[in-house]
PDB file of all heavy atoms in Angstrom:
ATOM      1  N   VAL A   1     -53.174 -31.750 -42.149  1.00  0.00           N
ATOM      2  CA  VAL A   1     -53.971 -32.721 -41.400  1.00  0.00           C
ATOM      3  C   VAL A   1     -54.997 -33.350 -42.339  1.00  0.00           C
ATOM      4  O   VAL A   1     -55.737 -32.648 -43.026  1.00  0.00           O
ATOM      5  CB  VAL A   1     -54.704 -32.041 -40.227  1.00  0.00           C
ATOM      6  CG1 VAL A   1     -55.545 -33.050 -39.451  1.00  0.00           C
ATOM      7  CG2 VAL A   1     -53.701 -31.358 -39.297  1.00  0.00           C
ATOM      8  N   GLY A   2     -55.058 -34.689 -42.340  1.00  0.00           N
ATOM      9  CA  GLY A   2     -56.058 -35.364 -43.168  1.00  0.00           C
ATOM     10  C   GLY A   2     -55.620 -36.759 -43.559  1.00  0.00           C
ATOM     11  O   GLY A   2     -54.601 -37.269 -43.085  1.00  0.00           O
ATOM     12  N   PRO A   3     -56.393 -37.430 -44.432  1.00  0.00           N
ATOM     13  CA  PRO A   3     -56.069 -38.778 -44.902  1.00  0.00           C
ATOM     14  C   PRO A   3     -54.696 -38.831 -45.567  1.00  0.00           C
ATOM     15  O   PRO A   3     -54.305 -37.895 -46.270  1.00  0.00           O
ATOM     16  CB  PRO A   3     -57.183 -39.092 -45.906  1.00  0.00           C
ATOM     17  CG  PRO A   3     -58.319 -38.206 -45.516  1.00  0.00           C
ATOM     18  CD  PRO A   3     -57.675 -36.949 -44.998  1.00  0.00           C
ATOM     19  N   ALA A   4     -53.969 -39.928 -45.353  1.00  0.00           N
ATOM     20  CA  ALA A   4     -52.576 -40.022 -45.778  1.00  0.00           C
ATOM     21  C   ALA A   4     -52.388 -39.831 -47.278  1.00  0.00           C
ATOM     22  O   ALA A   4     -51.506 -39.074 -47.706  1.00  0.00           O
ATOM     23  CB  ALA A   4     -52.008 -41.382 -45.369  1.00  0.00           C
ATOM     24  N   LEU A   5     -53.210 -40.476 -48.095  1.00  0.00           N
ATOM     25  CA  LEU A   5     -53.019 -40.401 -49.537  1.00  0.00           C
ATOM     26  C   LEU A   5     -53.249 -38.985 -50.054  1.00  0.00           C
ATOM     27  O   LEU A   5     -52.482 -38.468 -50.877  1.00  0.00           O
ATOM     28  CB  LEU A   5     -53.969 -41.374 -50.253  1.00  0.00           C
ATOM     29  CG  LEU A   5     -53.810 -41.472 -51.771  1.00  0.00           C
ATOM     30  CD1 LEU A   5     -52.386 -41.886 -52.137  1.00  0.00           C
ATOM     31  CD2 LEU A   5     -54.813 -42.455 -52.358  1.00  0.00           C
ATOM     32  N   GLU A   6     -54.288 -38.329 -49.571  1.00  0.00           N
ATOM     33  CA  GLU A   6     -54.583 -36.954 -49.998  1.00  0.00           C
ATOM     34  C   GLU A   6     -53.507 -35.989 -49.504  1.00  0.00           C
ATOM     35  O   GLU A   6     -53.108 -35.063 -50.211  1.00  0.00           O
ATOM     36  CB  GLU A   6     -55.957 -36.539 -49.499  1.00  0.00           C
ATOM     37  CG  GLU A   6     -57.095 -37.359 -50.080  1.00  0.00           C
ATOM     38  CD  GLU A   6     -58.443 -36.948 -49.530  1.00  0.00           C
ATOM     39  OE1 GLU A   6     -58.637 -35.757 -49.247  1.00  0.00           O
ATOM     40  OE2 GLU A   6     -59.318 -37.821 -49.384  1.00  0.00           O
ATOM     41  N   LYS A   7     -53.038 -36.208 -48.270  1.00  0.00           N
ATOM     42  CA  LYS A   7     -51.964 -35.366 -47.738  1.00  0.00           C
ATOM     43  C   LYS A   7     -50.714 -35.474 -48.584  1.00  0.00           C
ATOM     44  O   LYS A   7     -50.040 -34.477 -48.867  1.00  0.00           O
ATOM     45  CB  LYS A   7     -51.626 -35.771 -46.302  1.00  0.00           C
ATOM     46  CG  LYS A   7     -52.554 -35.239 -45.249  1.00  0.00           C
ATOM     47  CD  LYS A   7     -51.964 -35.360 -43.872  1.00  0.00           C
ATOM     48  CE  LYS A   7     -51.629 -36.786 -43.484  1.00  0.00           C
ATOM     49  NZ  LYS A   7     -51.184 -36.892 -42.073  1.00  0.00           N
ATOM     50  N   GLU A   8     -50.396 -36.705 -48.998  1.00  0.00           N
ATOM     51  CA  GLU A   8     -49.177 -36.933 -49.775  1.00  0.00           C
ATOM     52  C   GLU A   8     -49.213 -36.156 -51.089  1.00  0.00           C
ATOM     53  O   GLU A   8     -48.223 -35.531 -51.478  1.00  0.00           O
ATOM     54  CB  GLU A   8     -49.008 -38.426 -50.057  1.00  0.00           C
ATOM     55  CG  GLU A   8     -47.731 -38.744 -50.820  1.00  0.00           C
ATOM     56  CD  GLU A   8     -47.538 -40.226 -51.063  1.00  0.00           C
ATOM     57  OE1 GLU A   8     -48.453 -41.010 -50.721  1.00  0.00           O
ATOM     58  OE2 GLU A   8     -46.498 -40.601 -51.608  1.00  0.00           O
ATOM     59  N   LYS A   9     -50.361 -36.162 -51.764  1.00  0.00           N
ATOM     60  CA  LYS A   9     -50.458 -35.447 -53.038  1.00  0.00           C
ATOM     61  C   LYS A   9     -50.227 -33.962 -52.853  1.00  0.00           C
ATOM     62  O   LYS A   9     -49.486 -33.328 -53.616  1.00  0.00           O
ATOM     63  CB  LYS A   9     -51.839 -35.691 -53.653  1.00  0.00           C
ATOM     64  CG  LYS A   9     -52.080 -37.113 -54.128  1.00  0.00           C
ATOM     65  CD  LYS A   9     -53.493 -37.274 -54.686  1.00  0.00           C
ATOM     66  CE  LYS A   9     -53.734 -38.702 -55.146  1.00  0.00           C
ATOM     67  NZ  LYS A   9     -55.120 -38.886 -55.644  1.00  0.00           N
ATOM     68  N   ILE A  10     -50.855 -33.377 -51.826  1.00  0.00           N
ATOM     69  CA  ILE A  10     -50.713 -31.942 -51.593  1.00  0.00           C
ATOM     70  C   ILE A  10     -49.294 -31.609 -51.122  1.00  0.00           C
ATOM     71  O   ILE A  10     -48.691 -30.634 -51.591  1.00  0.00           O
ATOM     72  CB  ILE A  10     -51.764 -31.471 -50.572  1.00  0.00           C
ATOM     73  CG1 ILE A  10     -53.155 -31.496 -51.219  1.00  0.00           C
ATOM     74  CG2 ILE A  10     -51.445 -30.079 -50.059  1.00  0.00           C
ATOM     75  CD1 ILE A  10     -54.280 -31.068 -50.298  1.00  0.00           C
ATOM     76  N   CYS A  11     -48.761 -32.412 -50.206  1.00  0.00           N
ATOM     77  CA  CYS A  11     -47.419 -32.136 -49.669  1.00  0.00           C
ATOM     78  C   CYS A  11     -46.350 -32.235 -50.753  1.00  0.00           C
ATOM     79  O   CYS A  11     -45.435 -31.403 -50.816  1.00  0.00           O
ATOM     80  CB  CYS A  11     -47.107 -33.078 -48.524  1.00  0.00           C
ATOM     81  SG  CYS A  11     -48.020 -32.703 -47.013  1.00  0.00           S
ATOM     82  N   LYS A  12     -46.437 -33.253 -51.600  1.00  0.00           N
ATOM     83  CA  LYS A  12     -45.445 -33.407 -52.672  1.00  0.00           C
ATOM     84  C   LYS A  12     -45.548 -32.244 -53.654  1.00  0.00           C
ATOM     85  O   LYS A  12     -44.539 -31.760 -54.177  1.00  0.00           O
ATOM     86  CB  LYS A  12     -45.656 -34.739 -53.398  1.00  0.00           C
ATOM     87  CG  LYS A  12     -45.345 -35.970 -52.551  1.00  0.00           C
ATOM     88  CD  LYS A  12     -43.899 -35.985 -52.065  1.00  0.00           C
ATOM     89  CE  LYS A  12     -43.597 -37.243 -51.280  1.00  0.00           C
ATOM     90  NZ  LYS A  12     -42.209 -37.244 -50.730  1.00  0.00           N
ATOM     91  N   GLY A  13     -46.780 -31.794 -53.913  1.00  0.00           N
ATOM     92  CA  GLY A  13     -46.954 -30.647 -54.800  1.00  0.00           C
ATOM     93  C   GLY A  13     -46.358 -29.391 -54.203  1.00  0.00           C
ATOM     94  O   GLY A  13     -45.685 -28.611 -54.902  1.00  0.00           O
ATOM     95  N   LEU A  14     -46.575 -29.177 -52.900  1.00  0.00           N
ATOM     96  CA  LEU A  14     -46.011 -28.002 -52.238  1.00  0.00           C
ATOM     97  C   LEU A  14     -44.489 -28.091 -52.163  1.00  0.00           C
ATOM     98  O   LEU A  14     -43.782 -27.083 -52.298  1.00  0.00           O
ATOM     99  CB  LEU A  14     -46.608 -27.845 -50.834  1.00  0.00           C
ATOM    100  CG  LEU A  14     -48.091 -27.450 -50.767  1.00  0.00           C
ATOM    101  CD1 LEU A  14     -48.579 -27.507 -49.333  1.00  0.00           C
ATOM    102  CD2 LEU A  14     -48.294 -26.051 -51.346  1.00  0.00           C
ATOM    103  N   GLU A  15     -43.985 -29.304 -51.952  1.00  0.00           N
ATOM    104  CA  GLU A  15     -42.534 -29.487 -51.878  1.00  0.00           C
ATOM    105  C   GLU A  15     -41.892 -29.088 -53.213  1.00  0.00           C
ATOM    106  O   GLU A  15     -40.813 -28.480 -53.223  1.00  0.00           O
ATOM    107  CB  GLU A  15     -42.203 -30.938 -51.541  1.00  0.00           C
ATOM    108  CG  GLU A  15     -40.722 -31.202 -51.353  1.00  0.00           C
ATOM    109  CD  GLU A  15     -40.414 -32.643 -51.028  1.00  0.00           C
ATOM    110  OE1 GLU A  15     -41.166 -33.540 -51.486  1.00  0.00           O
ATOM    111  OE2 GLU A  15     -39.435 -32.893 -50.320  1.00  0.00           O
ATOM    112  N   ARG A  16     -42.539 -29.404 -54.318  1.00  0.00           N
ATOM    113  CA  ARG A  16     -41.985 -29.056 -55.637  1.00  0.00           C
ATOM    114  C   ARG A  16     -41.930 -27.544 -55.848  1.00  0.00           C
ATOM    115  O   ARG A  16     -41.148 -27.056 -56.662  1.00  0.00           O
ATOM    116  CB  ARG A  16     -42.811 -29.713 -56.740  1.00  0.00           C
ATOM    117  CG  ARG A  16     -42.586 -31.209 -56.891  1.00  0.00           C
ATOM    118  CD  ARG A  16     -43.176 -31.726 -58.179  1.00  0.00           C
ATOM    119  NE  ARG A  16     -44.624 -31.634 -58.193  1.00  0.00           N
ATOM    120  CZ  ARG A  16     -45.457 -32.573 -57.758  1.00  0.00           C
ATOM    121  NH1 ARG A  16     -44.947 -33.702 -57.261  1.00  0.00           N
ATOM    122  NH2 ARG A  16     -46.773 -32.422 -57.821  1.00  0.00           N
ATOM    123  N   THR A  17     -42.742 -26.805 -55.101  1.00  0.00           N
ATOM    124  CA  THR A  17     -42.725 -25.352 -55.239  1.00  0.00           C
ATOM    125  C   THR A  17     -41.838 -24.661 -54.218  1.00  0.00           C
ATOM    126  O   THR A  17     -41.843 -23.431 -54.119  1.00  0.00           O
ATOM    127  CB  THR A  17     -44.165 -24.783 -55.143  1.00  0.00           C
ATOM    128  OG1 THR A  17     -44.694 -25.025 -53.828  1.00  0.00           O
ATOM    129  CG2 THR A  17     -45.076 -25.429 -56.173  1.00  0.00           C
ATOM    130  N   GLY A  18     -41.099 -25.451 -53.410  1.00  0.00           N
ATOM    131  CA  GLY A  18     -40.107 -24.851 -52.527  1.00  0.00           C
ATOM    132  C   GLY A  18     -40.278 -25.077 -51.044  1.00  0.00           C
ATOM    133  O   GLY A  18     -39.395 -24.741 -50.254  1.00  0.00           O
ATOM    134  N   TYR A  19     -41.420 -25.626 -50.613  1.00  0.00           N
ATOM    135  CA  TYR A  19     -41.629 -25.885 -49.183  1.00  0.00           C
ATOM    136  C   TYR A  19     -40.756 -27.076 -48.755  1.00  0.00           C
ATOM    137  O   TYR A  19     -40.467 -27.973 -49.537  1.00  0.00           O
ATOM    138  CB  TYR A  19     -43.092 -26.178 -48.888  1.00  0.00           C
ATOM    139  CG  TYR A  19     -44.000 -24.994 -49.113  1.00  0.00           C
ATOM    140  CD1 TYR A  19     -44.494 -24.698 -50.383  1.00  0.00           C
ATOM    141  CD2 TYR A  19     -44.351 -24.156 -48.055  1.00  0.00           C
ATOM    142  CE1 TYR A  19     -45.317 -23.600 -50.590  1.00  0.00           C
ATOM    143  CE2 TYR A  19     -45.164 -23.053 -48.257  1.00  0.00           C
ATOM    144  CZ  TYR A  19     -45.653 -22.787 -49.523  1.00  0.00           C
ATOM    145  OH  TYR A  19     -46.457 -21.690 -49.734  1.00  0.00           O
ATOM    146  N   VAL A  20     -40.342 -27.081 -47.472  1.00  0.00           N
ATOM    147  CA  VAL A  20     -39.497 -28.140 -46.941  1.00  0.00           C
ATOM    148  C   VAL A  20     -40.402 -29.176 -46.252  1.00  0.00           C
ATOM    149  O   VAL A  20     -40.983 -28.905 -45.202  1.00  0.00           O
ATOM    150  CB  VAL A  20     -38.470 -27.603 -45.930  1.00  0.00           C
ATOM    151  CG1 VAL A  20     -37.583 -28.734 -45.403  1.00  0.00           C
ATOM    152  CG2 VAL A  20     -37.598 -26.525 -46.584  1.00  0.00           C
ATOM    153  N   LEU A  21     -40.513 -30.350 -46.868  1.00  0.00           N
ATOM    154  CA  LEU A  21     -41.382 -31.408 -46.337  1.00  0.00           C
ATOM    155  C   LEU A  21     -40.607 -32.262 -45.349  1.00  0.00           C
ATOM    156  O   LEU A  21     -39.559 -32.840 -45.680  1.00  0.00           O
ATOM    157  CB  LEU A  21     -41.905 -32.273 -47.494  1.00  0.00           C
ATOM    158  CG  LEU A  21     -42.802 -33.460 -47.098  1.00  0.00           C
ATOM    159  CD1 LEU A  21     -44.021 -32.988 -46.338  1.00  0.00           C
ATOM    160  CD2 LEU A  21     -43.208 -34.223 -48.356  1.00  0.00           C
ATOM    161  N   LEU A  22     -41.118 -32.363 -44.115  1.00  0.00           N
ATOM    162  CA  LEU A  22     -40.485 -33.172 -43.076  1.00  0.00           C
ATOM    163  C   LEU A  22     -41.403 -34.347 -42.755  1.00  0.00           C
ATOM    164  O   LEU A  22     -42.500 -34.161 -42.243  1.00  0.00           O
ATOM    165  CB  LEU A  22     -40.255 -32.317 -41.820  1.00  0.00           C
ATOM    166  CG  LEU A  22     -39.406 -31.047 -42.015  1.00  0.00           C
ATOM    167  CD1 LEU A  22     -39.305 -30.286 -40.700  1.00  0.00           C
ATOM    168  CD2 LEU A  22     -38.035 -31.394 -42.569  1.00  0.00           C
ATOM    169  N   GLU A  23     -40.922 -35.563 -43.062  1.00  0.00           N
ATOM    170  CA  GLU A  23     -41.703 -36.771 -42.821  1.00  0.00           C
ATOM    171  C   GLU A  23     -40.906 -37.721 -41.943  1.00  0.00           C
ATOM    172  O   GLU A  23     -39.668 -37.794 -42.025  1.00  0.00           O
ATOM    173  CB  GLU A  23     -42.054 -37.455 -44.138  1.00  0.00           C
ATOM    174  CG  GLU A  23     -42.963 -36.625 -45.033  1.00  0.00           C
ATOM    175  CD  GLU A  23     -43.250 -37.304 -46.352  1.00  0.00           C
ATOM    176  OE1 GLU A  23     -42.280 -37.701 -47.034  1.00  0.00           O
ATOM    177  OE2 GLU A  23     -44.435 -37.457 -46.707  1.00  0.00           O
ATOM    178  N   THR A  24     -41.608 -38.478 -41.127  1.00  0.00           N
ATOM    179  CA  THR A  24     -40.964 -39.322 -40.122  1.00  0.00           C
ATOM    180  C   THR A  24     -39.946 -40.284 -40.705  1.00  0.00           C
ATOM    181  O   THR A  24     -38.791 -40.325 -40.285  1.00  0.00           O
ATOM    182  CB  THR A  24     -42.026 -40.098 -39.324  1.00  0.00           C
ATOM    183  OG1 THR A  24     -42.961 -39.179 -38.742  1.00  0.00           O
ATOM    184  CG2 THR A  24     -41.371 -40.913 -38.216  1.00  0.00           C
ATOM    185  N   GLN A  25     -40.367 -41.089 -41.679  1.00  0.00           N
ATOM    186  CA  GLN A  25     -39.461 -42.119 -42.192  1.00  0.00           C
ATOM    187  C   GLN A  25     -38.236 -41.505 -42.879  1.00  0.00           C
ATOM    188  O   GLN A  25     -37.121 -41.993 -42.709  1.00  0.00           O
ATOM    189  CB  GLN A  25     -40.194 -43.047 -43.165  1.00  0.00           C
ATOM    190  CG  GLN A  25     -39.323 -44.223 -43.625  1.00  0.00           C
ATOM    191  CD  GLN A  25     -40.116 -45.290 -44.336  1.00  0.00           C
ATOM    192  OE1 GLN A  25     -41.315 -45.386 -44.194  1.00  0.00           O
ATOM    193  NE2 GLN A  25     -39.439 -46.102 -45.127  1.00  0.00           N
TER     194      GLN A  25
END
């Protein structure tokens, strides 16, 4: 939860370590 740009940086970083990122588009 948070501002889109900051969320994207954290989510992409977590995705690279194995988490499954689910985004609408």
